[in-house]
Amino acid sequence: MTKIEVLGTGCAKCKRLFDNVQAAVKELGMTAEVVKVEDLDAIVEAGVMLTPALFINGELRAEGRVPCVEEIMTMLKE
């Protein structure tokens, strides 16, 4: 199963990224574990300098920006 993590402190951009991830997963009809990480210590531990950040299966795919649903779908297909 694909694990997707959205790291951010809860700002509007972080929420938008989380919504975009959920929309992409639904559009693809895939099963994925989508996790929202708001703990600052966990974010720092992951090496993230700018939020929001998107990790797919432990790999950093976006940092400091909100990819659109289509871009996230492309990432998930790779």
C-alpha atoms as a PDB file:
ATOM      1  CA  MET A   1       0.000   0.000   0.000  1.00  0.00           C
ATOM      2  CA  THR A   2       1.188   3.499  -0.811  1.00  0.00           C
ATOM      3  CA  LYS A   3       1.944   5.727   2.179  1.00  0.00           C
ATOM      4  CA  ILE A   4       1.506   9.451   1.639  1.00  0.00           C
ATOM      5  CA  GLU A   5       2.534  11.974   4.270  1.00  0.00           C
ATOM      6  CA  VAL A   6       1.634  15.655   4.261  1.00  0.00           C
ATOM      7  CA  LEU A   7       3.906  17.566   6.623  1.00  0.00           C
ATOM      8  CA  GLY A   8       2.902  21.009   7.808  1.00  0.00           C
ATOM      9  CA  THR A   9       1.854  22.991  10.841  1.00  0.00           C
ATOM     10  CA  GLY A  10      -1.800  23.305   9.843  1.00  0.00           C
ATOM     11  CA  CYS A  11      -1.669  26.441   7.715  1.00  0.00           C
ATOM     12  CA  ALA A  12      -4.009  27.000   4.758  1.00  0.00           C
ATOM     13  CA  LYS A  13      -1.409  25.690   2.264  1.00  0.00           C
ATOM     14  CA  CYS A  14      -0.944  22.515   4.301  1.00  0.00           C
ATOM     15  CA  LYS A  15      -4.681  21.902   4.375  1.00  0.00           C
ATOM     16  CA  ARG A  16      -4.934  22.535   0.623  1.00  0.00           C
ATOM     17  CA  LEU A  17      -2.141  20.033  -0.059  1.00  0.00           C
ATOM     18  CA  PHE A  18      -3.882  17.429   2.117  1.00  0.00           C
ATOM     19  CA  ASP A  19      -7.141  18.012   0.207  1.00  0.00           C
ATOM     20  CA  ASN A  20      -5.306  17.758  -3.144  1.00  0.00           C
ATOM     21  CA  VAL A  21      -3.712  14.464  -2.086  1.00  0.00           C
ATOM     22  CA  GLN A  22      -7.082  13.023  -1.081  1.00  0.00           C
ATOM     23  CA  ALA A  23      -8.613  14.164  -4.391  1.00  0.00           C
ATOM     24  CA  ALA A  24      -5.743  12.582  -6.381  1.00  0.00           C
ATOM     25  CA  VAL A  25      -6.045   9.268  -4.525  1.00  0.00           C
ATOM     26  CA  LYS A  26      -9.807   9.232  -5.077  1.00  0.00           C
ATOM     27  CA  GLU A  27      -9.459  10.145  -8.769  1.00  0.00           C
ATOM     28  CA  LEU A  28      -7.000   7.295  -9.315  1.00  0.00           C
ATOM     29  CA  GLY A  29      -9.208   4.896  -7.359  1.00  0.00           C
ATOM     30  CA  MET A  30      -6.220   3.663  -5.417  1.00  0.00           C
ATOM     31  CA  THR A  31      -5.809   2.536  -1.838  1.00  0.00           C
ATOM     32  CA  ALA A  32      -3.360   4.667   0.091  1.00  0.00           C
ATOM     33  CA  GLU A  33      -2.596   5.571   3.672  1.00  0.00           C
ATOM     34  CA  VAL A  34      -2.747   9.358   3.844  1.00  0.00           C
ATOM     35  CA  VAL A  35      -1.204  10.819   6.991  1.00  0.00           C
ATOM     36  CA  LYS A  36      -1.117  14.431   8.116  1.00  0.00           C
ATOM     37  CA  VAL A  37       1.963  15.241  10.220  1.00  0.00           C
ATOM     38  CA  GLU A  38       1.668  18.477  12.207  1.00  0.00           C
ATOM     39  CA  ASP A  39       4.206  17.736  14.951  1.00  0.00           C
ATOM     40  CA  LEU A  40       7.057  20.234  14.564  1.00  0.00           C
ATOM     41  CA  ASP A  41       9.659  17.810  15.922  1.00  0.00           C
ATOM     42  CA  ALA A  42       8.636  15.162  13.366  1.00  0.00           C
ATOM     43  CA  ILE A  43       8.776  17.738  10.560  1.00  0.00           C
ATOM     44  CA  VAL A  44      12.289  18.808  11.568  1.00  0.00           C
ATOM     45  CA  GLU A  45      13.364  15.164  11.931  1.00  0.00           C
ATOM     46  CA  ALA A  46      12.262  14.551   8.345  1.00  0.00           C
ATOM     47  CA  GLY A  47      14.645  17.311   7.227  1.00  0.00           C
ATOM     48  CA  VAL A  48      11.888  19.577   5.943  1.00  0.00           C
ATOM     49  CA  MET A  49      12.863  23.258   5.829  1.00  0.00           C
ATOM     50  CA  LEU A  50       9.737  24.625   4.118  1.00  0.00           C
ATOM     51  CA  THR A  51       6.172  23.474   4.605  1.00  0.00           C
ATOM     52  CA  PRO A  52       4.021  22.077   3.286  1.00  0.00           C
ATOM     53  CA  ALA A  53       5.953  19.000   2.259  1.00  0.00           C
ATOM     54  CA  LEU A  54       4.781  15.858   0.510  1.00  0.00           C
ATOM     55  CA  PHE A  55       6.347  12.434   1.041  1.00  0.00           C
ATOM     56  CA  ILE A  56       5.304   9.411  -0.997  1.00  0.00           C
ATOM     57  CA  ASN A  57       6.577   6.090   0.368  1.00  0.00           C
ATOM     58  CA  GLY A  58       9.232   7.923   2.388  1.00  0.00           C
ATOM     59  CA  GLU A  59      10.544   9.982  -0.550  1.00  0.00           C
ATOM     60  CA  LEU A  60      10.299  13.787  -0.513  1.00  0.00           C
ATOM     61  CA  ARG A  61       8.343  14.796  -3.631  1.00  0.00           C
ATOM     62  CA  ALA A  62       7.436  18.444  -2.938  1.00  0.00           C
ATOM     63  CA  GLU A  63       8.542  21.026  -0.399  1.00  0.00           C
ATOM     64  CA  GLY A  64       7.376  24.591   0.214  1.00  0.00           C
ATOM     65  CA  ARG A  65       4.627  24.479  -2.430  1.00  0.00           C
ATOM     66  CA  VAL A  66       1.227  22.961  -3.128  1.00  0.00           C
ATOM     67  CA  PRO A  67       1.237  20.680  -6.191  1.00  0.00           C
ATOM     68  CA  CYS A  68      -2.057  20.540  -8.070  1.00  0.00           C
ATOM     69  CA  VAL A  69      -4.175  17.382  -8.101  1.00  0.00           C
ATOM     70  CA  GLU A  70      -2.924  16.435 -11.579  1.00  0.00           C
ATOM     71  CA  GLU A  71       0.730  16.732 -10.538  1.00  0.00           C
ATOM     72  CA  ILE A  72       0.118  14.577  -7.471  1.00  0.00           C
ATOM     73  CA  MET A  73      -1.624  11.990  -9.656  1.00  0.00           C
ATOM     74  CA  THR A  74       1.460  11.891 -11.896  1.00  0.00           C
ATOM     75  CA  MET A  75       3.707  11.392  -8.850  1.00  0.00           C
ATOM     76  CA  LEU A  76       1.524   8.540  -7.615  1.00  0.00           C
ATOM     77  CA  LYS A  77       1.642   6.770 -10.981  1.00  0.00           C
ATOM     78  CA  GLU A  78       5.469   6.750 -11.047  1.00  0.00           C
END
